[in-house]
């Protein structure tokens, strides 16, 4: 029914808005007219945001990771693996 770049009129505005919501697009004013344009891709989370999300998901804050990774900590191999992965990701932030 609609396509990217199509000019929107007063008559088809409502239908175009519905179509845009269902098809990852929005209407944008360009040269005194409204056109259908593709929504921008979501930005990739920063390394700091990734670390914060993983810490929240796993409960493995930096202090906890240090305890888990200490010799003879008694932590399972799975938890140690999770802590190591998080430490590798977080290492970029400490450089």
PDB file of N, CA and C in Angstrom:
ATOM      1  N   UNK A   1       0.826  -1.188   0.000  1.00  0.00           N
ATOM      2  CA  UNK A   1       0.000   0.000   0.000  1.00  0.00           C
ATOM      3  C   UNK A   1       0.871   1.253   0.000  1.00  0.00           C
ATOM      4  N   UNK A   2       1.867   1.303   0.917  1.00  0.00           N
ATOM      5  CA  UNK A   2       2.796   2.425   0.980  1.00  0.00           C
ATOM      6  C   UNK A   2       4.205   1.914   0.756  1.00  0.00           C
ATOM      7  N   UNK A   3       5.142   2.833   0.532  1.00  0.00           N
ATOM      8  CA  UNK A   3       6.545   2.456   0.375  1.00  0.00           C
ATOM      9  C   UNK A   3       7.442   3.577   0.881  1.00  0.00           C
ATOM     10  N   UNK A   4       8.678   3.248   1.135  1.00  0.00           N
ATOM     11  CA  UNK A   4       9.627   4.235   1.620  1.00  0.00           C
ATOM     12  C   UNK A   4       9.775   5.350   0.591  1.00  0.00           C
ATOM     13  N   UNK A   5       9.799   6.575   1.074  1.00  0.00           N
ATOM     14  CA  UNK A   5       9.962   7.725   0.188  1.00  0.00           C
ATOM     15  C   UNK A   5       8.655   8.301  -0.333  1.00  0.00           C
ATOM     16  N   UNK A   6       7.566   7.593  -0.112  1.00  0.00           N
ATOM     17  CA  UNK A   6       6.276   8.055  -0.615  1.00  0.00           C
ATOM     18  C   UNK A   6       5.847   9.327   0.104  1.00  0.00           C
ATOM     19  N   UNK A   7       5.279  10.264  -0.649  1.00  0.00           N
ATOM     20  CA  UNK A   7       4.758  11.507  -0.081  1.00  0.00           C
ATOM     21  C   UNK A   7       3.395  11.229   0.535  1.00  0.00           C
ATOM     22  N   UNK A   8       3.183  11.786   1.731  1.00  0.00           N
ATOM     23  CA  UNK A   8       1.928  11.602   2.457  1.00  0.00           C
ATOM     24  C   UNK A   8       1.034  12.814   2.220  1.00  0.00           C
ATOM     25  N   UNK A   9      -0.241  12.554   2.005  1.00  0.00           N
ATOM     26  CA  UNK A   9      -1.220  13.633   1.827  1.00  0.00           C
ATOM     27  C   UNK A   9      -2.142  13.672   3.034  1.00  0.00           C
ATOM     28  N   UNK A  10      -2.933  14.729   3.118  1.00  0.00           N
ATOM     29  CA  UNK A  10      -3.919  14.820   4.199  1.00  0.00           C
ATOM     30  C   UNK A  10      -4.898  13.653   4.138  1.00  0.00           C
ATOM     31  N   UNK A  11      -5.212  13.179   2.958  1.00  0.00           N
ATOM     32  CA  UNK A  11      -6.193  12.121   2.772  1.00  0.00           C
ATOM     33  C   UNK A  11      -5.685  10.754   3.254  1.00  0.00           C
ATOM     34  N   UNK A  12      -4.394  10.498   3.121  1.00  0.00           N
ATOM     35  CA  UNK A  12      -3.896   9.175   3.503  1.00  0.00           C
ATOM     36  C   UNK A  12      -3.001   9.198   4.749  1.00  0.00           C
ATOM     37  N   UNK A  13      -3.009  10.298   5.495  1.00  0.00           N
ATOM     38  CA  UNK A  13      -2.140  10.454   6.651  1.00  0.00           C
ATOM     39  C   UNK A  13      -2.358   9.362   7.695  1.00  0.00           C
ATOM     40  N   UNK A  14      -3.601   9.111   8.070  1.00  0.00           N
ATOM     41  CA  UNK A  14      -3.896   8.128   9.115  1.00  0.00           C
ATOM     42  C   UNK A  14      -3.472   6.730   8.683  1.00  0.00           C
ATOM     43  N   UNK A  15      -3.804   6.345   7.469  1.00  0.00           N
ATOM     44  CA  UNK A  15      -3.422   5.026   6.977  1.00  0.00           C
ATOM     45  C   UNK A  15      -1.899   4.900   6.878  1.00  0.00           C
ATOM     46  N   UNK A  16      -1.240   6.004   6.484  1.00  0.00           N
ATOM     47  CA  UNK A  16       0.221   5.982   6.390  1.00  0.00           C
ATOM     48  C   UNK A  16       0.847   5.833   7.775  1.00  0.00           C
ATOM     49  N   UNK A  17       0.279   6.492   8.767  1.00  0.00           N
ATOM     50  CA  UNK A  17       0.810   6.384  10.137  1.00  0.00           C
ATOM     51  C   UNK A  17       0.692   4.947  10.634  1.00  0.00           C
ATOM     52  N   UNK A  18      -0.426   4.321  10.385  1.00  0.00           N
ATOM     53  CA  UNK A  18      -0.626   2.925  10.787  1.00  0.00           C
ATOM     54  C   UNK A  18       0.386   2.036  10.071  1.00  0.00           C
ATOM     55  N   UNK A  19       0.551   2.241   8.769  1.00  0.00           N
ATOM     56  CA  UNK A  19       1.497   1.450   7.984  1.00  0.00           C
ATOM     57  C   UNK A  19       2.922   1.639   8.520  1.00  0.00           C
ATOM     58  N   UNK A  20       3.287   2.882   8.825  1.00  0.00           N
ATOM     59  CA  UNK A  20       4.634   3.158   9.336  1.00  0.00           C
ATOM     60  C   UNK A  20       4.879   2.405  10.641  1.00  0.00           C
ATOM     61  N   UNK A  21       3.922   2.428  11.550  1.00  0.00           N
ATOM     62  CA  UNK A  21       4.074   1.738  12.831  1.00  0.00           C
ATOM     63  C   UNK A  21       4.255   0.237  12.650  1.00  0.00           C
ATOM     64  N   UNK A  22       3.653  -0.323  11.637  1.00  0.00           N
ATOM     65  CA  UNK A  22       3.731  -1.764  11.400  1.00  0.00           C
ATOM     66  C   UNK A  22       4.953  -2.165  10.575  1.00  0.00           C
ATOM     67  N   UNK A  23       5.629  -1.177   9.978  1.00  0.00           N
ATOM     68  CA  UNK A  23       6.704  -1.495   9.039  1.00  0.00           C
ATOM     69  C   UNK A  23       8.035  -0.809   9.348  1.00  0.00           C
ATOM     70  N   UNK A  24       8.243  -0.408  10.588  1.00  0.00           N
ATOM     71  CA  UNK A  24       9.528   0.161  10.976  1.00  0.00           C
ATOM     72  C   UNK A  24       9.871   1.452  10.266  1.00  0.00           C
ATOM     73  N   UNK A  25       8.896   2.316  10.132  1.00  0.00           N
ATOM     74  CA  UNK A  25       9.112   3.584   9.441  1.00  0.00           C
ATOM     75  C   UNK A  25       8.423   4.705  10.211  1.00  0.00           C
ATOM     76  N   UNK A  26       8.657   5.905   9.758  1.00  0.00           N
ATOM     77  CA  UNK A  26       7.974   7.065  10.317  1.00  0.00           C
ATOM     78  C   UNK A  26       7.832   8.115   9.229  1.00  0.00           C
ATOM     79  N   UNK A  27       7.031   9.140   9.517  1.00  0.00           N
ATOM     80  CA  UNK A  27       6.851  10.224   8.562  1.00  0.00           C
ATOM     81  C   UNK A  27       7.747  11.376   8.966  1.00  0.00           C
ATOM     82  N   UNK A  28       8.402  11.954   7.975  1.00  0.00           N
ATOM     83  CA  UNK A  28       9.352  13.028   8.230  1.00  0.00           C
ATOM     84  C   UNK A  28       9.103  14.162   7.256  1.00  0.00           C
ATOM     85  N   UNK A  29       9.169  15.382   7.778  1.00  0.00           N
ATOM     86  CA  UNK A  29       8.967  16.539   6.904  1.00  0.00           C
ATOM     87  C   UNK A  29      10.214  16.779   6.076  1.00  0.00           C
ATOM     88  N   UNK A  30      10.024  16.886   4.768  1.00  0.00           N
ATOM     89  CA  UNK A  30      11.118  17.155   3.835  1.00  0.00           C
ATOM     90  C   UNK A  30      10.602  18.099   2.768  1.00  0.00           C
ATOM     91  N   UNK A  31      11.176  19.290   2.693  1.00  0.00           N
ATOM     92  CA  UNK A  31      10.793  20.273   1.668  1.00  0.00           C
ATOM     93  C   UNK A  31       9.297  20.564   1.681  1.00  0.00           C
ATOM     94  N   UNK A  32       8.758  20.836   2.848  1.00  0.00           N
ATOM     95  CA  UNK A  32       7.347  21.195   3.038  1.00  0.00           C
ATOM     96  C   UNK A  32       6.369  20.066   2.717  1.00  0.00           C
ATOM     97  N   UNK A  33       6.854  18.847   2.595  1.00  0.00           N
ATOM     98  CA  UNK A  33       5.971  17.687   2.428  1.00  0.00           C
ATOM     99  C   UNK A  33       6.380  16.633   3.452  1.00  0.00           C
ATOM    100  N   UNK A  34       5.502  15.690   3.682  1.00  0.00           N
ATOM    101  CA  UNK A  34       5.832  14.581   4.574  1.00  0.00           C
ATOM    102  C   UNK A  34       6.064  13.336   3.744  1.00  0.00           C
ATOM    103  N   UNK A  35       7.173  12.642   4.042  1.00  0.00           N
ATOM    104  CA  UNK A  35       7.534  11.415   3.329  1.00  0.00           C
ATOM    105  C   UNK A  35       7.702  10.284   4.337  1.00  0.00           C
ATOM    106  N   UNK A  36       7.528   9.068   3.850  1.00  0.00           N
ATOM    107  CA  UNK A  36       7.768   7.891   4.673  1.00  0.00           C
ATOM    108  C   UNK A  36       9.252   7.571   4.603  1.00  0.00           C
ATOM    109  N   UNK A  37       9.878   7.435   5.789  1.00  0.00           N
ATOM    110  CA  UNK A  37      11.297   7.081   5.855  1.00  0.00           C
ATOM    111  C   UNK A  37      11.490   5.946   6.853  1.00  0.00           C
ATOM    112  N   UNK A  38      12.506   5.150   6.616  1.00  0.00           N
ATOM    113  CA  UNK A  38      12.813   4.006   7.481  1.00  0.00           C
ATOM    114  C   UNK A  38      13.335   4.508   8.823  1.00  0.00           C
ATOM    115  N   UNK A  39      12.914   3.855   9.896  1.00  0.00           N
ATOM    116  CA  UNK A  39      13.437   4.179  11.222  1.00  0.00           C
ATOM    117  C   UNK A  39      14.916   3.840  11.283  1.00  0.00           C
ATOM    118  N   UNK A  40      15.721   4.633  12.012  1.00  0.00           N
ATOM    119  CA  UNK A  40      17.142   4.300  12.145  1.00  0.00           C
ATOM    120  C   UNK A  40      17.309   3.033  12.971  1.00  0.00           C
ATOM    121  N   UNK A  41      18.387   2.328  12.699  1.00  0.00           N
ATOM    122  CA  UNK A  41      18.684   1.105  13.461  1.00  0.00           C
ATOM    123  C   UNK A  41      19.011   1.485  14.897  1.00  0.00           C
ATOM    124  N   UNK A  42      18.667   0.607  15.816  1.00  0.00           N
ATOM    125  CA  UNK A  42      18.987   0.832  17.220  1.00  0.00           C
ATOM    126  C   UNK A  42      20.502   0.835  17.392  1.00  0.00           C
ATOM    127  N   UNK A  43      20.970   1.755  18.211  1.00  0.00           N
ATOM    128  CA  UNK A  43      22.403   1.844  18.464  1.00  0.00           C
ATOM    129  C   UNK A  43      22.850   0.668  19.326  1.00  0.00           C
ATOM    130  N   UNK A  44      24.038   0.185  19.058  1.00  0.00           N
ATOM    131  CA  UNK A  44      24.632  -0.898  19.843  1.00  0.00           C
ATOM    132  C   UNK A  44      24.991  -0.343  21.217  1.00  0.00           C
ATOM    133  N   UNK A  45      24.674  -1.053  22.283  1.00  0.00           N
ATOM    134  CA  UNK A  45      25.033  -0.548  23.611  1.00  0.00           C
ATOM    135  C   UNK A  45      26.548  -0.433  23.761  1.00  0.00           C
ATOM    136  N   UNK A  46      26.988   0.581  24.498  1.00  0.00           N
ATOM    137  CA  UNK A  46      28.418   0.765  24.737  1.00  0.00           C
ATOM    138  C   UNK A  46      28.932  -0.393  25.594  1.00  0.00           C
ATOM    139  N   UNK A  47      30.252  -0.517  25.660  1.00  0.00           N
ATOM    140  CA  UNK A  47      30.848  -1.581  26.475  1.00  0.00           C
ATOM    141  C   UNK A  47      30.424  -1.398  27.928  1.00  0.00           C
ATOM    142  N   UNK A  48      30.422  -0.171  28.412  1.00  0.00           N
ATOM    143  CA  UNK A  48      30.022   0.078  29.796  1.00  0.00           C
ATOM    144  C   UNK A  48      28.574  -0.360  30.029  1.00  0.00           C
ATOM    145  N   UNK A  49      27.697  -0.057  29.083  1.00  0.00           N
ATOM    146  CA  UNK A  49      26.296  -0.477  29.212  1.00  0.00           C
ATOM    147  C   UNK A  49      26.181  -2.000  29.173  1.00  0.00           C
ATOM    148  N   UNK A  50      26.970  -2.652  28.314  1.00  0.00           N
ATOM    149  CA  UNK A  50      26.950  -4.111  28.240  1.00  0.00           C
ATOM    150  C   UNK A  50      27.393  -4.725  29.563  1.00  0.00           C
ATOM    151  N   UNK A  51      28.455  -4.170  30.152  1.00  0.00           N
ATOM    152  CA  UNK A  51      28.951  -4.677  31.432  1.00  0.00           C
ATOM    153  C   UNK A  51      27.883  -4.496  32.504  1.00  0.00           C
ATOM    154  N   UNK A  52      27.271  -3.329  32.557  1.00  0.00           N
ATOM    155  CA  UNK A  52      26.244  -3.056  33.567  1.00  0.00           C
ATOM    156  C   UNK A  52      25.054  -4.003  33.415  1.00  0.00           C
ATOM    157  N   UNK A  53      24.651  -4.267  32.173  1.00  0.00           N
ATOM    158  CA  UNK A  53      23.525  -5.183  31.944  1.00  0.00           C
ATOM    159  C   UNK A  53      23.868  -6.597  32.402  1.00  0.00           C
ATOM    160  N   UNK A  54      25.085  -7.061  32.053  1.00  0.00           N
ATOM    161  CA  UNK A  54      25.492  -8.419  32.443  1.00  0.00           C
ATOM    162  C   UNK A  54      25.664  -8.538  33.953  1.00  0.00           C
ATOM    163  N   UNK A  55      26.182  -7.481  34.576  1.00  0.00           N
ATOM    164  CA  UNK A  55      26.306  -7.505  36.038  1.00  0.00           C
ATOM    165  C   UNK A  55      24.919  -7.602  36.679  1.00  0.00           C
ATOM    166  N   UNK A  56      23.980  -6.858  36.150  1.00  0.00           N
ATOM    167  CA  UNK A  56      22.614  -6.883  36.693  1.00  0.00           C
ATOM    168  C   UNK A  56      21.963  -8.251  36.476  1.00  0.00           C
ATOM    169  N   UNK A  57      22.212  -8.865  35.333  1.00  0.00           N
ATOM    170  CA  UNK A  57      21.623 -10.177  35.020  1.00  0.00           C
ATOM    171  C   UNK A  57      22.214 -11.284  35.879  1.00  0.00           C
ATOM    172  N   UNK A  58      23.514 -11.221  36.110  1.00  0.00           N
ATOM    173  CA  UNK A  58      24.196 -12.325  36.781  1.00  0.00           C
ATOM    174  C   UNK A  58      24.462 -12.083  38.268  1.00  0.00           C
ATOM    175  N   UNK A  59      24.433 -10.823  38.678  1.00  0.00           N
ATOM    176  CA  UNK A  59      24.790 -10.501  40.056  1.00  0.00           C
ATOM    177  C   UNK A  59      26.292 -10.499  40.282  1.00  0.00           C
ATOM    178  N   UNK A  60      27.058 -10.604  39.201  1.00  0.00           N
ATOM    179  CA  UNK A  60      28.517 -10.683  39.296  1.00  0.00           C
ATOM    180  C   UNK A  60      29.139  -9.294  39.160  1.00  0.00           C
ATOM    181  N   UNK A  61      29.028  -8.483  40.200  1.00  0.00           N
ATOM    182  CA  UNK A  61      29.701  -7.194  40.211  1.00  0.00           C
ATOM    183  C   UNK A  61      31.203  -7.430  40.248  1.00  0.00           C
ATOM    184  N   UNK A  62      31.980  -6.369  40.094  1.00  0.00           N
ATOM    185  CA  UNK A  62      33.437  -6.546  40.060  1.00  0.00           C
ATOM    186  C   UNK A  62      33.948  -7.193  41.342  1.00  0.00           C
ATOM    187  N   UNK A  63      33.458  -6.745  42.491  1.00  0.00           N
ATOM    188  CA  UNK A  63      33.917  -7.317  43.770  1.00  0.00           C
ATOM    189  C   UNK A  63      33.566  -8.797  43.859  1.00  0.00           C
ATOM    190  N   UNK A  64      32.382  -9.155  43.421  1.00  0.00           N
ATOM    191  CA  UNK A  64      31.958 -10.563  43.459  1.00  0.00           C
ATOM    192  C   UNK A  64      32.796 -11.383  42.487  1.00  0.00           C
ATOM    193  N   UNK A  65      33.087 -10.824  41.316  1.00  0.00           N
ATOM    194  CA  UNK A  65      33.920 -11.538  40.338  1.00  0.00           C
ATOM    195  C   UNK A  65      35.295 -11.828  40.912  1.00  0.00           C
ATOM    196  N   UNK A  66      35.856 -10.874  41.634  1.00  0.00           N
ATOM    197  CA  UNK A  66      37.172 -11.092  42.238  1.00  0.00           C
ATOM    198  C   UNK A  66      37.128 -12.248  43.228  1.00  0.00           C
ATOM    199  N   UNK A  67      36.074 -12.331  44.001  1.00  0.00           N
ATOM    200  CA  UNK A  67      35.931 -13.438  44.952  1.00  0.00           C
ATOM    201  C   UNK A  67      35.743 -14.768  44.231  1.00  0.00           C
ATOM    202  N   UNK A  68      34.911 -14.761  43.200  1.00  0.00           N
ATOM    203  CA  UNK A  68      34.625 -15.984  42.435  1.00  0.00           C
ATOM    204  C   UNK A  68      35.897 -16.504  41.765  1.00  0.00           C
ATOM    205  N   UNK A  69      36.694 -15.575  41.238  1.00  0.00           N
ATOM    206  CA  UNK A  69      37.886 -15.980  40.491  1.00  0.00           C
ATOM    207  C   UNK A  69      39.106 -16.212  41.381  1.00  0.00           C
ATOM    208  N   UNK A  70      38.999 -15.961  42.669  1.00  0.00           N
ATOM    209  CA  UNK A  70      40.106 -16.216  43.592  1.00  0.00           C
ATOM    210  C   UNK A  70      40.370 -17.722  43.678  1.00  0.00           C
ATOM    211  N   UNK A  71      41.610 -18.058  43.916  1.00  0.00           N
ATOM    212  CA  UNK A  71      41.990 -19.467  44.030  1.00  0.00           C
ATOM    213  C   UNK A  71      41.199 -20.126  45.160  1.00  0.00           C
ATOM    214  N   UNK A  72      40.703 -21.340  44.900  1.00  0.00           N
ATOM    215  CA  UNK A  72      39.927 -22.114  45.867  1.00  0.00           C
ATOM    216  C   UNK A  72      38.656 -21.398  46.349  1.00  0.00           C
ATOM    217  N   UNK A  73      38.026 -20.684  45.439  1.00  0.00           N
ATOM    218  CA  UNK A  73      36.813 -19.942  45.820  1.00  0.00           C
ATOM    219  C   UNK A  73      35.623 -20.859  46.068  1.00  0.00           C
ATOM    220  N   UNK A  74      35.661 -22.030  45.483  1.00  0.00           N
ATOM    221  CA  UNK A  74      34.539 -22.956  45.639  1.00  0.00           C
ATOM    222  C   UNK A  74      33.401 -22.684  44.675  1.00  0.00           C
ATOM    223  N   UNK A  75      33.535 -21.686  43.829  1.00  0.00           N
ATOM    224  CA  UNK A  75      32.496 -21.374  42.842  1.00  0.00           C
ATOM    225  C   UNK A  75      32.497 -22.443  41.755  1.00  0.00           C
ATOM    226  N   UNK A  76      31.335 -22.669  41.179  1.00  0.00           N
ATOM    227  CA  UNK A  76      31.221 -23.664  40.111  1.00  0.00           C
ATOM    228  C   UNK A  76      31.952 -23.186  38.864  1.00  0.00           C
ATOM    229  N   UNK A  77      32.273 -24.122  37.995  1.00  0.00           N
ATOM    230  CA  UNK A  77      32.947 -23.773  36.740  1.00  0.00           C
ATOM    231  C   UNK A  77      32.069 -22.857  35.887  1.00  0.00           C
ATOM    232  N   UNK A  78      30.759 -23.051  35.953  1.00  0.00           N
ATOM    233  CA  UNK A  78      29.843 -22.194  35.193  1.00  0.00           C
ATOM    234  C   UNK A  78      29.952 -20.748  35.670  1.00  0.00           C
ATOM    235  N   UNK A  79      29.915 -20.547  36.988  1.00  0.00           N
ATOM    236  CA  UNK A  79      29.989 -19.190  37.546  1.00  0.00           C
ATOM    237  C   UNK A  79      31.350 -18.577  37.252  1.00  0.00           C
ATOM    238  N   UNK A  80      32.404 -19.380  37.346  1.00  0.00           N
ATOM    239  CA  UNK A  80      33.738 -18.880  37.021  1.00  0.00           C
ATOM    240  C   UNK A  80      33.821 -18.462  35.558  1.00  0.00           C
ATOM    241  N   UNK A  81      33.207 -19.253  34.695  1.00  0.00           N
ATOM    242  CA  UNK A  81      33.199 -18.934  33.268  1.00  0.00           C
ATOM    243  C   UNK A  81      32.463 -17.616  33.019  1.00  0.00           C
ATOM    244  N   UNK A  82      31.326 -17.450  33.673  1.00  0.00           N
ATOM    245  CA  UNK A  82      30.564 -16.200  33.540  1.00  0.00           C
ATOM    246  C   UNK A  82      31.390 -15.016  34.034  1.00  0.00           C
ATOM    247  N   UNK A  83      32.064 -15.195  35.152  1.00  0.00           N
ATOM    248  CA  UNK A  83      32.888 -14.129  35.725  1.00  0.00           C
ATOM    249  C   UNK A  83      34.061 -13.787  34.804  1.00  0.00           C
ATOM    250  N   UNK A  84      34.698 -14.817  34.232  1.00  0.00           N
ATOM    251  CA  UNK A  84      35.816 -14.579  33.309  1.00  0.00           C
ATOM    252  C   UNK A  84      35.345 -13.816  32.076  1.00  0.00           C
ATOM    253  N   UNK A  85      34.204 -14.226  31.516  1.00  0.00           N
ATOM    254  CA  UNK A  85      33.670 -13.533  30.335  1.00  0.00           C
ATOM    255  C   UNK A  85      33.394 -12.062  30.641  1.00  0.00           C
ATOM    256  N   UNK A  86      32.815 -11.811  31.796  1.00  0.00           N
ATOM    257  CA  UNK A  86      32.516 -10.440  32.187  1.00  0.00           C
ATOM    258  C   UNK A  86      33.803  -9.645  32.415  1.00  0.00           C
ATOM    259  N   UNK A  87      34.786 -10.275  33.025  1.00  0.00           N
ATOM    260  CA  UNK A  87      36.077  -9.608  33.249  1.00  0.00           C
ATOM    261  C   UNK A  87      36.736  -9.260  31.923  1.00  0.00           C
ATOM    262  N   UNK A  88      36.654 -10.153  30.947  1.00  0.00           N
ATOM    263  CA  UNK A  88      37.227  -9.876  29.627  1.00  0.00           C
ATOM    264  C   UNK A  88      36.552  -8.671  28.992  1.00  0.00           C
ATOM    265  N   UNK A  89      35.248  -8.611  29.096  1.00  0.00           N
ATOM    266  CA  UNK A  89      34.497  -7.486  28.542  1.00  0.00           C
ATOM    267  C   UNK A  89      34.842  -6.204  29.289  1.00  0.00           C
ATOM    268  N   UNK A  90      34.922  -6.261  30.605  1.00  0.00           N
ATOM    269  CA  UNK A  90      35.171  -5.082  31.431  1.00  0.00           C
ATOM    270  C   UNK A  90      36.618  -4.586  31.321  1.00  0.00           C
ATOM    271  N   UNK A  91      37.535  -5.445  30.902  1.00  0.00           N
ATOM    272  CA  UNK A  91      38.944  -5.062  30.814  1.00  0.00           C
ATOM    273  C   UNK A  91      39.141  -3.863  29.898  1.00  0.00           C
ATOM    274  N   UNK A  92      38.335  -3.750  28.878  1.00  0.00           N
ATOM    275  CA  UNK A  92      38.426  -2.613  27.950  1.00  0.00           C
ATOM    276  C   UNK A  92      38.206  -1.302  28.678  1.00  0.00           C
ATOM    277  N   UNK A  93      37.351  -1.310  29.680  1.00  0.00           N
ATOM    278  CA  UNK A  93      37.035  -0.095  30.426  1.00  0.00           C
ATOM    279  C   UNK A  93      38.182   0.347  31.322  1.00  0.00           C
ATOM    280  N   UNK A  94      39.061  -0.561  31.656  1.00  0.00           N
ATOM    281  CA  UNK A  94      40.172  -0.257  32.583  1.00  0.00           C
ATOM    282  C   UNK A  94      41.446   0.159  31.865  1.00  0.00           C
ATOM    283  N   UNK A  95      41.421   0.131  30.561  1.00  0.00           N
ATOM    284  CA  UNK A  95      42.631   0.497  29.788  1.00  0.00           C
ATOM    285  C   UNK A  95      42.794   1.990  29.672  1.00  0.00           C
TER     286      UNK A  95
END
